[in-house]
C-alpha atoms as a PDB file:
ATOM      1  CA  MET A   1     -30.439 -15.446  10.351  1.00  0.00           C
ATOM      2  CA  SER A   2     -29.381 -16.472  14.058  1.00  0.00           C
ATOM      3  CA  GLN A   3     -27.268 -14.060  15.862  1.00  0.00           C
ATOM      4  CA  GLN A   4     -24.840 -16.906  16.389  1.00  0.00           C
ATOM      5  CA  PHE A   5     -23.584 -16.884  12.811  1.00  0.00           C
ATOM      6  CA  ASP A   6     -20.808 -14.316  11.819  1.00  0.00           C
ATOM      7  CA  PRO A   7     -22.133 -12.556   8.607  1.00  0.00           C
ATOM      8  CA  ARG A   8     -18.649 -12.088   7.424  1.00  0.00           C
ATOM      9  CA  ILE A   9     -18.134 -15.764   6.768  1.00  0.00           C
ATOM     10  CA  THR A  10     -21.796 -17.007   6.665  1.00  0.00           C
ATOM     11  CA  PRO A  11     -23.121 -16.971   2.972  1.00  0.00           C
ATOM     12  CA  ALA A  12     -26.795 -16.316   4.011  1.00  0.00           C
ATOM     13  CA  ARG A  13     -28.957 -13.452   3.411  1.00  0.00           C
ATOM     14  CA  SER A  14     -32.916 -13.389   4.033  1.00  0.00           C
ATOM     15  CA  ASP A  15     -33.692 -14.260   0.444  1.00  0.00           C
ATOM     16  CA  LEU A  16     -30.651 -16.485  -0.410  1.00  0.00           C
ATOM     17  CA  ALA A  17     -28.321 -18.720   1.307  1.00  0.00           C
ATOM     18  CA  ALA A  18     -25.801 -21.518   0.688  1.00  0.00           C
ATOM     19  CA  GLU A  19     -27.257 -25.103   0.242  1.00  0.00           C
ATOM     20  CA  HIS A  20     -25.173 -26.384   3.008  1.00  0.00           C
ATOM     21  CA  LEU A  21     -26.870 -23.983   5.490  1.00  0.00           C
ATOM     22  CA  ARG A  22     -30.382 -25.387   4.831  1.00  0.00           C
ATOM     23  CA  GLY A  23     -32.027 -26.406   7.988  1.00  0.00           C
ATOM     24  CA  ILE A  24     -29.657 -24.078   9.860  1.00  0.00           C
ATOM     25  CA  VAL A  25     -30.476 -20.544   8.684  1.00  0.00           C
ATOM     26  CA  THR A  26     -33.740 -19.210   7.495  1.00  0.00           C
ATOM     27  CA  ALA A  27     -33.771 -17.920   3.870  1.00  0.00           C
ATOM     28  CA  GLU A  28     -36.308 -17.995   1.004  1.00  0.00           C
ATOM     29  CA  LYS A  29     -33.992 -19.971  -1.389  1.00  0.00           C
ATOM     30  CA  PHE A  30     -30.926 -22.067  -1.214  1.00  0.00           C
ATOM     31  CA  VAL A  31     -28.465 -22.715  -3.909  1.00  0.00           C
ATOM     32  CA  SER A  32     -25.214 -24.704  -4.244  1.00  0.00           C
ATOM     33  CA  GLY A  33     -23.473 -22.086  -6.402  1.00  0.00           C
ATOM     34  CA  ASN A  34     -20.730 -22.249  -8.944  1.00  0.00           C
ATOM     35  CA  THR A  35     -16.923 -22.258  -7.960  1.00  0.00           C
ATOM     36  CA  LEU A  36     -15.304 -19.568 -10.124  1.00  0.00           C
ATOM     37  CA  SER A  37     -11.764 -18.224 -10.438  1.00  0.00           C
ATOM     38  CA  VAL A  38     -10.500 -14.764 -10.201  1.00  0.00           C
ATOM     39  CA  ILE A  39      -9.007 -13.685 -13.547  1.00  0.00           C
ATOM     40  CA  THR A  40      -7.897 -10.188 -12.800  1.00  0.00           C
ATOM     41  CA  GLU A  41      -4.823  -9.085 -10.777  1.00  0.00           C
ATOM     42  CA  MET A  42      -7.155  -8.734  -7.579  1.00  0.00           C
ATOM     43  CA  SER A  43     -10.838  -7.910  -7.131  1.00  0.00           C
ATOM     44  CA  ASP A  44     -12.554  -5.847  -4.536  1.00  0.00           C
ATOM     45  CA  LEU A  45     -14.857  -7.765  -2.185  1.00  0.00           C
ATOM     46  CA  LEU A  46     -17.750  -5.456  -0.946  1.00  0.00           C
ATOM     47  CA  ALA A  47     -20.428  -5.642   1.574  1.00  0.00           C
ATOM     48  CA  GLN A  48     -23.078  -4.387  -1.131  1.00  0.00           C
ATOM     49  CA  PRO A  49     -23.182  -4.404  -4.846  1.00  0.00           C
ATOM     50  CA  LYS A  50     -22.172  -0.746  -5.111  1.00  0.00           C
ATOM     51  CA  LEU A  51     -18.880   0.829  -6.017  1.00  0.00           C
ATOM     52  CA  ASP A  52     -19.128   3.470  -3.312  1.00  0.00           C
ATOM     53  CA  GLN A  53     -18.858   0.867  -0.670  1.00  0.00           C
ATOM     54  CA  SER A  54     -15.948   0.463   1.854  1.00  0.00           C
ATOM     55  CA  LEU A  55     -13.612  -2.160   0.932  1.00  0.00           C
ATOM     56  CA  GLN A  56     -14.023  -5.203   3.006  1.00  0.00           C
ATOM     57  CA  SER A  57     -11.347  -7.473   1.451  1.00  0.00           C
ATOM     58  CA  GLN A  58      -9.813  -8.551  -1.813  1.00  0.00           C
ATOM     59  CA  LEU A  59      -9.442 -11.726  -3.867  1.00  0.00           C
ATOM     60  CA  LEU A  60      -6.161 -12.317  -5.731  1.00  0.00           C
ATOM     61  CA  PHE A  61      -5.529 -13.762  -9.029  1.00  0.00           C
ATOM     62  CA  GLY A  62      -6.499 -17.530  -9.285  1.00  0.00           C
ATOM     63  CA  GLU A  63      -8.247 -17.686  -5.884  1.00  0.00           C
ATOM     64  CA  GLN A  64     -11.551 -19.324  -5.890  1.00  0.00           C
ATOM     65  CA  PHE A  65     -15.105 -17.803  -5.274  1.00  0.00           C
ATOM     66  CA  VAL A  66     -18.182 -19.650  -4.612  1.00  0.00           C
ATOM     67  CA  CYS A  67     -20.849 -17.613  -6.707  1.00  0.00           C
ATOM     68  CA  LEU A  68     -24.234 -17.946  -5.267  1.00  0.00           C
ATOM     69  CA  GLU A  69     -25.949 -15.112  -7.367  1.00  0.00           C
ATOM     70  CA  SER A  70     -25.015 -13.285 -10.308  1.00  0.00           C
ATOM     71  CA  LYS A  71     -27.033 -10.181 -11.016  1.00  0.00           C
ATOM     72  CA  ASP A  72     -26.543  -6.765 -12.643  1.00  0.00           C
ATOM     73  CA  GLY A  73     -22.825  -7.245 -13.157  1.00  0.00           C
ATOM     74  CA  TRP A  74     -22.241  -8.371  -9.646  1.00  0.00           C
ATOM     75  CA  ALA A  75     -21.513 -11.889  -8.012  1.00  0.00           C
ATOM     76  CA  TRP A  76     -22.489 -12.468  -4.426  1.00  0.00           C
ATOM     77  CA  GLY A  77     -20.694 -15.449  -2.687  1.00  0.00           C
ATOM     78  CA  GLN A  78     -17.909 -16.593  -0.649  1.00  0.00           C
ATOM     79  CA  SER A  79     -14.091 -17.026  -0.774  1.00  0.00           C
ATOM     80  CA  VAL A  80     -12.991 -20.329  -0.693  1.00  0.00           C
ATOM     81  CA  ARG A  81      -9.528 -19.572   0.639  1.00  0.00           C
ATOM     82  CA  ASP A  82     -10.795 -17.810   3.980  1.00  0.00           C
ATOM     83  CA  GLY A  83     -14.529 -17.875   3.875  1.00  0.00           C
ATOM     84  CA  TYR A  84     -15.233 -14.326   3.455  1.00  0.00           C
ATOM     85  CA  VAL A  85     -18.620 -13.362   2.088  1.00  0.00           C
ATOM     86  CA  GLY A  86     -19.349 -10.419  -0.126  1.00  0.00           C
ATOM     87  CA  TYR A  87     -19.779  -8.852  -3.681  1.00  0.00           C
ATOM     88  CA  VAL A  88     -17.411  -8.780  -6.510  1.00  0.00           C
ATOM     89  CA  ARG A  89     -17.602  -7.624 -10.034  1.00  0.00           C
ATOM     90  CA  ALA A  90     -18.730 -10.545 -12.133  1.00  0.00           C
ATOM     91  CA  SER A  91     -16.405  -9.743 -14.849  1.00  0.00           C
ATOM     92  CA  ALA A  92     -13.532 -10.489 -12.554  1.00  0.00           C
ATOM     93  CA  LEU A  93     -14.650 -14.138 -12.493  1.00  0.00           C
ATOM     94  CA  GLN A  94     -14.779 -17.154 -14.843  1.00  0.00           C
ATOM     95  CA  GLU A  95     -15.006 -20.854 -14.751  1.00  0.00           C
ATOM     96  CA  GLN A  96     -11.886 -22.548 -13.639  1.00  0.00           C
ATOM     97  CA  THR A  97     -10.005 -23.857 -16.689  1.00  0.00           C
ATOM     98  CA  ALA A  98      -6.993 -25.451 -15.112  1.00  0.00           C
ATOM     99  CA  ILE A  99      -6.009 -26.481 -11.350  1.00  0.00           C
ATOM    100  CA  PRO A 100      -3.354 -24.029  -9.954  1.00  0.00           C
ATOM    101  CA  ASP A 101       0.151 -25.648  -9.785  1.00  0.00           C
ATOM    102  CA  HIS A 102       2.184 -22.870  -8.606  1.00  0.00           C
ATOM    103  CA  TRP A 103       1.865 -19.658  -6.447  1.00  0.00           C
ATOM    104  CA  ILE A 104       3.464 -16.178  -6.709  1.00  0.00           C
ATOM    105  CA  SER A 105       6.113 -16.319  -3.945  1.00  0.00           C
ATOM    106  CA  SER A 106       7.578 -12.765  -4.480  1.00  0.00           C
ATOM    107  CA  LEU A 107       6.064  -9.673  -3.041  1.00  0.00           C
ATOM    108  CA  ARG A 108       4.734  -8.924  -6.688  1.00  0.00           C
ATOM    109  CA  THR A 109       5.868  -9.855  -9.980  1.00  0.00           C
ATOM    110  CA  PRO A 110       5.212  -7.946 -13.405  1.00  0.00           C
ATOM    111  CA  VAL A 111       3.332  -9.878 -16.105  1.00  0.00           C
ATOM    112  CA  PHE A 112       4.861  -9.655 -19.443  1.00  0.00           C
ATOM    113  CA  SER A 113       3.117  -9.888 -22.811  1.00  0.00           C
ATOM    114  CA  GLN A 114       6.041 -12.017 -24.064  1.00  0.00           C
ATOM    115  CA  ALA A 115       8.681 -14.207 -22.391  1.00  0.00           C
ATOM    116  CA  ASN A 116      11.087 -11.144 -22.641  1.00  0.00           C
ATOM    117  CA  LEU A 117      11.849  -8.645 -19.869  1.00  0.00           C
ATOM    118  CA  LYS A 118      11.756  -5.864 -22.526  1.00  0.00           C
ATOM    119  CA  SER A 119       8.170  -6.721 -23.635  1.00  0.00           C
ATOM    120  CA  PRO A 120       5.214  -4.743 -22.494  1.00  0.00           C
ATOM    121  CA  ILE A 121       4.073  -5.255 -18.958  1.00  0.00           C
ATOM    122  CA  VAL A 122       0.258  -6.072 -18.932  1.00  0.00           C
ATOM    123  CA  GLY A 123      -0.170  -6.133 -15.154  1.00  0.00           C
ATOM    124  CA  TYR A 124       1.194  -7.403 -11.817  1.00  0.00           C
ATOM    125  CA  LEU A 125       0.512 -10.333  -9.560  1.00  0.00           C
ATOM    126  CA  HIS A 126       0.858 -10.404  -5.984  1.00  0.00           C
ATOM    127  CA  ARG A 127       2.091 -12.942  -3.422  1.00  0.00           C
ATOM    128  CA  ASN A 128      -0.045 -15.726  -2.859  1.00  0.00           C
ATOM    129  CA  SER A 129      -1.766 -15.457  -6.223  1.00  0.00           C
ATOM    130  CA  GLN A 130      -2.644 -18.989  -7.609  1.00  0.00           C
ATOM    131  CA  ILE A 131      -1.375 -19.869 -11.072  1.00  0.00           C
ATOM    132  CA  HIS A 132      -1.420 -22.682 -13.581  1.00  0.00           C
ATOM    133  CA  ILE A 133       1.745 -22.798 -15.839  1.00  0.00           C
ATOM    134  CA  SER A 134       0.667 -23.692 -19.409  1.00  0.00           C
ATOM    135  CA  LYS A 135       4.069 -23.377 -20.916  1.00  0.00           C
ATOM    136  CA  THR A 136       7.619 -22.159 -20.383  1.00  0.00           C
ATOM    137  CA  SER A 137      10.263 -20.378 -22.352  1.00  0.00           C
ATOM    138  CA  ASP A 138      13.749 -20.035 -20.912  1.00  0.00           C
ATOM    139  CA  ASP A 139      13.311 -18.152 -17.419  1.00  0.00           C
ATOM    140  CA  TYR A 140       9.667 -17.504 -17.991  1.00  0.00           C
ATOM    141  CA  CYS A 141       6.316 -19.127 -17.618  1.00  0.00           C
ATOM    142  CA  HIS A 142       2.987 -18.508 -19.014  1.00  0.00           C
ATOM    143  CA  VAL A 143       0.370 -18.296 -16.501  1.00  0.00           C
ATOM    144  CA  GLY A 144      -2.986 -17.033 -18.256  1.00  0.00           C
ATOM    145  CA  MET A 145      -2.438 -13.213 -17.853  1.00  0.00           C
ATOM    146  CA  GLY A 146       0.962 -13.397 -19.554  1.00  0.00           C
ATOM    147  CA  TRP A 147       4.569 -14.430 -18.792  1.00  0.00           C
ATOM    148  CA  VAL A 148       6.188 -14.189 -15.289  1.00  0.00           C
ATOM    149  CA  ALA A 149       9.734 -14.910 -14.224  1.00  0.00           C
ATOM    150  CA  LYS A 150      10.265 -18.346 -12.924  1.00  0.00           C
ATOM    151  CA  CYS A 151      12.347 -16.892  -9.837  1.00  0.00           C
ATOM    152  CA  ASP A 152       9.093 -15.285  -8.589  1.00  0.00           C
ATOM    153  CA  ILE A 153       6.927 -18.561  -8.398  1.00  0.00           C
ATOM    154  CA  GLN A 154       6.942 -21.717  -6.228  1.00  0.00           C
ATOM    155  CA  ALA A 155       5.240 -25.012  -6.657  1.00  0.00           C
ATOM    156  CA  ILE A 156       1.821 -25.169  -4.927  1.00  0.00           C
ATOM    157  CA  ASN A 157       3.167 -27.717  -2.510  1.00  0.00           C
ATOM    158  CA  SER A 158       6.343 -25.577  -1.689  1.00  0.00           C
ATOM    159  CA  PRO A 159       5.377 -23.029   0.886  1.00  0.00           C
ATOM    160  CA  ALA A 160       7.810 -20.413   2.282  1.00  0.00           C
ATOM    161  CA  GLU A 161       9.785 -21.716   5.262  1.00  0.00           C
ATOM    162  CA  ASP A 162       9.654 -18.575   7.529  1.00  0.00           C
ATOM    163  CA  TRP A 163       6.476 -16.599   7.649  1.00  0.00           C
ATOM    164  CA  VAL A 164       8.157 -13.713   9.751  1.00  0.00           C
ATOM    165  CA  GLU A 165      10.546 -13.152   7.161  1.00  0.00           C
ATOM    166  CA  VAL A 166       7.682 -13.189   4.627  1.00  0.00           C
ATOM    167  CA  ALA A 167       5.983 -10.532   6.667  1.00  0.00           C
ATOM    168  CA  LYS A 168       9.027  -8.387   6.822  1.00  0.00           C
ATOM    169  CA  THR A 169       9.023  -8.176   2.934  1.00  0.00           C
ATOM    170  CA  TYR A 170       5.937  -5.955   3.309  1.00  0.00           C
ATOM    171  CA  LEU A 171       7.889  -3.246   5.113  1.00  0.00           C
ATOM    172  CA  HIS A 172       6.790   0.263   3.809  1.00  0.00           C
ATOM    173  CA  SER A 173       3.712  -1.166   1.844  1.00  0.00           C
ATOM    174  CA  PRO A 174       0.903   1.426   2.193  1.00  0.00           C
ATOM    175  CA  TYR A 175      -1.773   0.881   4.604  1.00  0.00           C
ATOM    176  CA  VAL A 176      -5.174   0.255   2.925  1.00  0.00           C
ATOM    177  CA  TRP A 177      -8.227  -0.801   4.938  1.00  0.00           C
ATOM    178  CA  GLY A 178      -9.386  -4.159   3.433  1.00  0.00           C
ATOM    179  CA  GLY A 179      -6.444  -4.389   1.151  1.00  0.00           C
ATOM    180  CA  ARG A 180      -4.561  -7.780   0.668  1.00  0.00           C
ATOM    181  CA  SER A 181      -1.658  -6.946  -1.620  1.00  0.00           C
ATOM    182  CA  SER A 182       1.630  -5.384  -1.517  1.00  0.00           C
ATOM    183  CA  PHE A 183      -0.099  -2.214  -3.371  1.00  0.00           C
ATOM    184  CA  GLY A 184      -1.835  -1.804  -0.075  1.00  0.00           C
ATOM    185  CA  LEU A 185      -3.047  -3.934   2.964  1.00  0.00           C
ATOM    186  CA  ASP A 186      -4.325  -3.691   6.470  1.00  0.00           C
ATOM    187  CA  CYS A 187      -2.839  -5.198   9.732  1.00  0.00           C
ATOM    188  CA  SER A 188      -4.719  -8.510   9.633  1.00  0.00           C
ATOM    189  CA  ALA A 189      -4.051  -8.883   5.853  1.00  0.00           C
ATOM    190  CA  LEU A 190      -0.315  -8.529   6.687  1.00  0.00           C
ATOM    191  CA  ILE A 191      -0.686 -11.598   9.077  1.00  0.00           C
ATOM    192  CA  GLN A 192      -2.974 -13.540   6.777  1.00  0.00           C
ATOM    193  CA  ASN A 193      -0.754 -13.245   3.823  1.00  0.00           C
ATOM    194  CA  SER A 194       2.410 -14.110   5.540  1.00  0.00           C
ATOM    195  CA  LEU A 195       1.034 -17.247   7.207  1.00  0.00           C
ATOM    196  CA  GLN A 196      -0.726 -18.301   3.765  1.00  0.00           C
ATOM    197  CA  ALA A 197       2.625 -18.055   2.097  1.00  0.00           C
ATOM    198  CA  ALA A 198       4.043 -20.563   4.725  1.00  0.00           C
ATOM    199  CA  GLY A 199       1.103 -22.953   4.080  1.00  0.00           C
ATOM    200  CA  ILE A 200      -0.580 -21.883   7.337  1.00  0.00           C
ATOM    201  CA  SER A 201      -4.445 -21.451   7.191  1.00  0.00           C
ATOM    202  CA  CYS A 202      -5.408 -17.978   8.552  1.00  0.00           C
ATOM    203  CA  PRO A 203      -8.798 -16.102   8.793  1.00  0.00           C
ATOM    204  CA  ARG A 204      -9.210 -12.665   7.476  1.00  0.00           C
ATOM    205  CA  ASP A 205      -9.926 -10.262  10.322  1.00  0.00           C
ATOM    206  CA  SER A 206      -7.889  -9.799  13.475  1.00  0.00           C
ATOM    207  CA  ASP A 207     -10.660 -10.774  15.827  1.00  0.00           C
ATOM    208  CA  MET A 208     -10.812 -13.975  14.104  1.00  0.00           C
ATOM    209  CA  GLN A 209      -7.201 -14.311  14.191  1.00  0.00           C
ATOM    210  CA  GLU A 210      -7.127 -13.819  18.077  1.00  0.00           C
ATOM    211  CA  GLU A 211      -9.562 -16.620  18.268  1.00  0.00           C
ATOM    212  CA  GLN A 212      -7.940 -19.166  16.106  1.00  0.00           C
ATOM    213  CA  LEU A 213      -4.078 -18.560  15.839  1.00  0.00           C
ATOM    214  CA  GLY A 214      -1.532 -20.136  18.025  1.00  0.00           C
ATOM    215  CA  LYS A 215      -2.015 -20.430  21.702  1.00  0.00           C
ATOM    216  CA  PRO A 216      -2.434 -17.628  24.350  1.00  0.00           C
ATOM    217  CA  VAL A 217       0.464 -16.824  26.684  1.00  0.00           C
ATOM    218  CA  ARG A 218       0.884 -14.372  29.460  1.00  0.00           C
ATOM    219  CA  THR A 219       4.237 -12.752  29.289  1.00  0.00           C
ATOM    220  CA  SER A 220       6.033  -9.443  28.660  1.00  0.00           C
ATOM    221  CA  ASP A 221       9.016 -11.285  27.437  1.00  0.00           C
ATOM    222  CA  PHE A 222       8.017 -11.484  23.721  1.00  0.00           C
ATOM    223  CA  THR A 223       9.572 -14.004  21.285  1.00  0.00           C
ATOM    224  CA  ARG A 224       9.877 -13.571  17.557  1.00  0.00           C
ATOM    225  CA  GLY A 225       6.712 -14.699  15.935  1.00  0.00           C
ATOM    226  CA  ASP A 226       4.413 -13.475  18.794  1.00  0.00           C
ATOM    227  CA  LEU A 227       1.188 -12.057  17.711  1.00  0.00           C
ATOM    228  CA  LEU A 228       0.118  -9.115  19.783  1.00  0.00           C
ATOM    229  CA  PHE A 229      -3.651  -8.090  19.552  1.00  0.00           C
ATOM    230  CA  TRP A 230      -5.683  -5.081  20.552  1.00  0.00           C
ATOM    231  CA  LYS A 231      -9.283  -4.438  19.748  1.00  0.00           C
ATOM    232  CA  GLY A 232      -9.140  -4.238  15.957  1.00  0.00           C
ATOM    233  CA  HIS A 233      -5.375  -4.482  15.513  1.00  0.00           C
ATOM    234  CA  VAL A 234      -2.700  -7.163  15.154  1.00  0.00           C
ATOM    235  CA  GLY A 235       0.991  -7.201  14.570  1.00  0.00           C
ATOM    236  CA  VAL A 236       3.952  -9.456  14.908  1.00  0.00           C
ATOM    237  CA  MET A 237       7.270  -9.538  16.954  1.00  0.00           C
ATOM    238  CA  VAL A 238      10.219  -9.960  14.577  1.00  0.00           C
ATOM    239  CA  CYS A 239      12.580 -10.060  17.547  1.00  0.00           C
ATOM    240  CA  ARG A 240      12.254  -9.614  21.308  1.00  0.00           C
ATOM    241  CA  ASP A 241      11.984  -5.814  21.239  1.00  0.00           C
ATOM    242  CA  ASN A 242      10.779  -4.784  17.735  1.00  0.00           C
ATOM    243  CA  PHE A 243       7.191  -5.156  16.298  1.00  0.00           C
ATOM    244  CA  LEU A 244       6.146  -5.214  12.667  1.00  0.00           C
ATOM    245  CA  HIS A 245       2.473  -4.133  11.764  1.00  0.00           C
ATOM    246  CA  ALA A 246       0.505  -2.422   9.129  1.00  0.00           C
ATOM    247  CA  ASN A 247      -1.025   0.681  10.851  1.00  0.00           C
ATOM    248  CA  ALA A 248      -3.124   3.789  10.110  1.00  0.00           C
ATOM    249  CA  ALA A 249      -1.018   5.998  12.177  1.00  0.00           C
ATOM    250  CA  SER A 250       1.982   5.572   9.740  1.00  0.00           C
ATOM    251  CA  MET A 251      -0.380   4.637   6.763  1.00  0.00           C
ATOM    252  CA  LYS A 252       2.182   2.020   6.022  1.00  0.00           C
ATOM    253  CA  THR A 253       3.680  -1.284   7.280  1.00  0.00           C
ATOM    254  CA  VAL A 254       6.657  -0.491   9.881  1.00  0.00           C
ATOM    255  CA  ILE A 255       8.999  -2.005  12.298  1.00  0.00           C
ATOM    256  CA  GLU A 256       9.162  -0.225  15.584  1.00  0.00           C
ATOM    257  CA  PRO A 257      10.220  -0.650  19.302  1.00  0.00           C
ATOM    258  CA  VAL A 258       7.295  -2.651  20.738  1.00  0.00           C
ATOM    259  CA  SER A 259       7.201  -0.402  23.923  1.00  0.00           C
ATOM    260  CA  GLU A 260       6.480   2.658  21.576  1.00  0.00           C
ATOM    261  CA  ALA A 261       3.829   0.708  19.718  1.00  0.00           C
ATOM    262  CA  ILE A 262       2.122  -0.478  22.781  1.00  0.00           C
ATOM    263  CA  ASN A 263       2.035   3.067  24.399  1.00  0.00           C
ATOM    264  CA  ARG A 264       0.635   4.811  21.293  1.00  0.00           C
ATOM    265  CA  ILE A 265      -1.928   1.992  20.542  1.00  0.00           C
ATOM    266  CA  GLU A 266      -3.207   2.053  24.122  1.00  0.00           C
ATOM    267  CA  LYS A 267      -4.366   5.571  23.633  1.00  0.00           C
ATOM    268  CA  THR A 268      -6.912   4.694  20.876  1.00  0.00           C
ATOM    269  CA  ALA A 269      -7.580   0.915  21.059  1.00  0.00           C
ATOM    270  CA  GLY A 270      -6.777   0.100  24.840  1.00  0.00           C
ATOM    271  CA  PRO A 271      -4.440  -2.301  26.146  1.00  0.00           C
ATOM    272  CA  ILE A 272      -3.227  -5.513  24.602  1.00  0.00           C
ATOM    273  CA  THR A 273      -6.032  -8.043  24.645  1.00  0.00           C
ATOM    274  CA  SER A 274      -3.974 -11.220  24.129  1.00  0.00           C
ATOM    275  CA  ILE A 275      -0.716 -12.403  23.014  1.00  0.00           C
ATOM    276  CA  ARG A 276      -0.689 -15.585  20.823  1.00  0.00           C
ATOM    277  CA  ARG A 277       2.237 -17.898  20.130  1.00  0.00           C
ATOM    278  CA  PHE A 278       2.818 -20.472  17.776  1.00  0.00           C
ATOM    279  CA  SER A 279       4.368 -23.661  19.333  1.00  0.00           C
END
């Protein structure tokens, strides 16, 4: 495969590639694949079909995955939402039976076995999970796994109004490399999750975000919503002086004075590489 293609978002191996890449990359076989949906709370996306691999990313309930190969219990393909390529457990996927009409708008919501808050909890769904309501009962909706509270969902065409406020709800969430949920997420997932909740498309990794989000500005007078980038790291200004980011130094998502963050991060990642601002 040509070096110009980013392997993280290019569904191509030497032996197999997506049909739309025919004539663009070299592979022994090209396939169109099947679009499947995630049926578990979330599913790990790995670089290789082995459980001992480092986490690359995660797929949330209801998100779509184009499966190009299913073999030995693993599915290889590409996330529809952000284009990330990798392996997920085949048992976490199935043919889509209904088109999502709502999304989980709260940080996370318990899924009950019945439309009753005292009924057993069968799992949790995280913000941005895609759901289809099959039936309702009082203050609850049935979404496939079970029942969730109506107050924790929004219609698919009703995004959050303020993505920075969304980002702030992840405060104190554990830092997990490759994570995409409130149970654990990394710096770029914090930005991605928050923007996606506001209906703004966002790539998965910080270097991709630095290339594609907002417009570059040269200033030390930060504004709420400014994205600050270092090599391998990103966070967002929540006001002129305070900075929100998921980071390994704290092993959680924190808000801290931006001057302190800049001084500390510079020691390991170097200086700020860019500031991106949404117009």
